[in-house]
Amino acid sequence: NRGVRIGDCEDHAGYWCKSLRSSLLSFEMYMGHIYYVREDGTKGAHALTVYRRPTTDDYYWCDYHLPQLLTSLDAWPEAVLRVYGKTLRGAFMFRVYPDGVRGALKFGEITTFPLQ
């Protein structure tokens, strides 16, 4: 995964949420946003999807690649940081409810992770 740069991460995270729900692969989804500093000192940000697999209660994070297992729901910032950055600046995630008009995503409660 390291070094892959595609773009449009917010759209891709939304696609994951819609696809996971419509295929009945998850009923608990979050859209995460992470802010970090790269190895070269430049700042970056990324959006991704975190979801719970109902058959095992395991949590995963995914963006442009296959989903990756997490040790817990709150472990995603560090897992994503290992791929995209060096130093975590902050992160937050919205609970996603894909039951809006015509299946539009609705954002619910927010969880924040502290600046470091």
Protein backbone atom coordinates (compact mmCIF):
# COMPACT_ATOMS: atom_id res chain seq x y z
CA ASN A 1 0.00 0.00 0.00
CA ARG A 2 2.86 2.40 0.69
CA GLY A 3 3.48 4.97 -2.01
CA VAL A 4 0.17 4.59 -3.83
CA ARG A 5 -1.43 7.96 -4.59
CA ILE A 6 -4.78 7.95 -6.37
CA GLY A 7 -6.85 10.94 -5.18
CA ASP A 8 -10.54 11.59 -4.51
CA CYS A 9 -10.37 9.77 -1.20
CA GLU A 10 -13.66 11.25 0.08
CA ASP A 11 -15.55 9.91 -2.93
CA HIS A 12 -13.89 6.54 -2.57
CA ALA A 13 -14.76 6.35 1.15
CA GLY A 14 -18.38 7.11 0.28
CA TYR A 15 -18.32 4.40 -2.38
CA TRP A 16 -17.09 1.86 0.21
CA CYS A 17 -19.89 2.82 2.62
CA LYS A 18 -22.59 2.51 -0.04
CA SER A 19 -21.19 -0.75 -1.39
CA LEU A 20 -20.74 -2.40 2.00
CA ARG A 21 -24.32 -1.55 2.98
CA SER A 22 -26.00 -2.41 -0.32
CA SER A 23 -24.24 -5.79 -0.40
CA LEU A 24 -25.21 -6.40 3.27
CA LEU A 25 -21.54 -6.84 4.24
CA SER A 26 -21.77 -4.24 7.03
CA PHE A 27 -24.38 -2.30 8.96
CA GLU A 28 -21.92 -0.29 11.07
CA MET A 29 -19.75 2.09 9.06
CA TYR A 30 -17.69 5.21 9.70
CA MET A 31 -15.99 7.75 7.47
CA GLY A 32 -12.61 8.63 8.95
CA HIS A 33 -10.49 11.70 8.26
CA ILE A 34 -6.84 11.81 9.30
CA TYR A 35 -4.33 14.67 9.31
CA TYR A 36 -0.63 13.85 9.44
CA VAL A 37 2.94 14.91 8.65
CA ARG A 38 4.86 12.86 6.08
CA GLU A 39 8.49 11.68 6.32
CA ASP A 40 9.65 14.73 4.32
CA GLY A 41 7.86 17.15 6.67
CA THR A 42 4.95 18.02 4.37
CA LYS A 43 1.43 17.90 5.72
CA GLY A 44 -1.23 15.55 4.38
CA ALA A 45 -4.80 14.43 4.92
CA HIS A 46 -6.79 11.37 3.92
CA ALA A 47 -10.36 10.05 4.08
CA LEU A 48 -11.23 6.37 4.45
CA THR A 49 -13.90 3.94 5.60
CA VAL A 50 -13.93 1.97 8.85
CA TYR A 51 -16.53 -0.76 9.22
CA ARG A 52 -17.54 -3.71 11.37
CA ARG A 53 -18.01 -7.11 9.83
CA PRO A 54 -21.21 -8.47 11.39
CA THR A 55 -20.30 -12.16 11.17
CA THR A 56 -17.14 -11.79 13.26
CA ASP A 57 -17.48 -8.35 14.93
CA ASP A 58 -14.02 -7.48 13.57
CA TYR A 59 -13.29 -3.92 12.45
CA TYR A 60 -11.53 -3.07 9.19
CA TRP A 61 -10.31 0.06 7.45
CA CYS A 62 -10.27 0.47 3.68
CA ASP A 63 -9.56 3.07 1.04
CA TYR A 64 -8.08 2.22 -2.35
CA HIS A 65 -6.94 -1.25 -1.31
CA LEU A 66 -8.48 -4.37 0.14
CA PRO A 67 -9.82 -3.95 3.70
CA GLN A 68 -7.27 -4.33 6.48
CA LEU A 69 -8.06 -5.79 9.89
CA LEU A 70 -7.93 -3.51 12.94
CA THR A 71 -7.31 -4.53 16.54
CA SER A 72 -10.24 -2.30 17.64
CA LEU A 73 -12.49 0.45 16.32
CA ASP A 74 -10.21 3.16 17.69
CA ALA A 75 -7.04 1.65 16.18
CA TRP A 76 -7.59 3.02 12.67
CA PRO A 77 -5.60 6.31 12.94
CA GLU A 78 -2.37 4.47 13.77
CA ALA A 79 -3.03 1.80 11.13
CA VAL A 80 -3.60 4.43 8.43
CA LEU A 81 -0.62 6.46 9.60
CA ARG A 82 1.68 3.47 8.98
CA VAL A 83 0.69 3.66 5.29
CA TYR A 84 0.42 7.40 4.63
CA GLY A 85 2.37 9.44 7.14
CA LYS A 86 4.87 9.69 9.96
CA THR A 87 3.29 11.87 12.65
CA LEU A 88 -0.40 12.00 13.52
CA ARG A 89 -1.77 15.55 13.80
CA GLY A 90 -5.38 14.61 14.46
CA ALA A 91 -8.26 12.48 13.30
CA PHE A 92 -12.04 12.24 13.48
CA MET A 93 -14.72 9.93 12.20
CA PHE A 94 -18.43 10.21 11.49
CA ARG A 95 -20.86 7.35 11.93
CA VAL A 96 -22.43 6.75 8.50
CA TYR A 97 -26.09 5.87 8.04
CA PRO A 98 -26.82 4.96 4.40
CA ASP A 99 -30.56 5.43 4.68
CA GLY A 100 -31.09 8.92 3.34
CA VAL A 101 -33.15 9.85 0.32
CA ARG A 102 -32.50 7.27 -2.44
CA GLY A 103 -29.79 5.67 -0.30
CA ALA A 104 -27.78 8.86 0.27
CA LEU A 105 -25.26 8.70 3.10
CA LYS A 106 -26.22 10.48 6.32
CA PHE A 107 -23.58 11.42 8.88
CA GLY A 108 -24.26 10.83 12.56
CA GLU A 109 -22.26 11.23 15.73
CA ILE A 110 -18.60 12.25 15.53
CA THR A 111 -15.62 10.84 17.41
CA THR A 112 -12.45 12.91 17.63
CA PHE A 113 -8.88 11.81 18.28
CA PRO A 114 -6.50 14.31 19.93
CA LEU A 115 -3.80 16.33 18.23
CA GLN A 116 -0.31 15.12 18.99
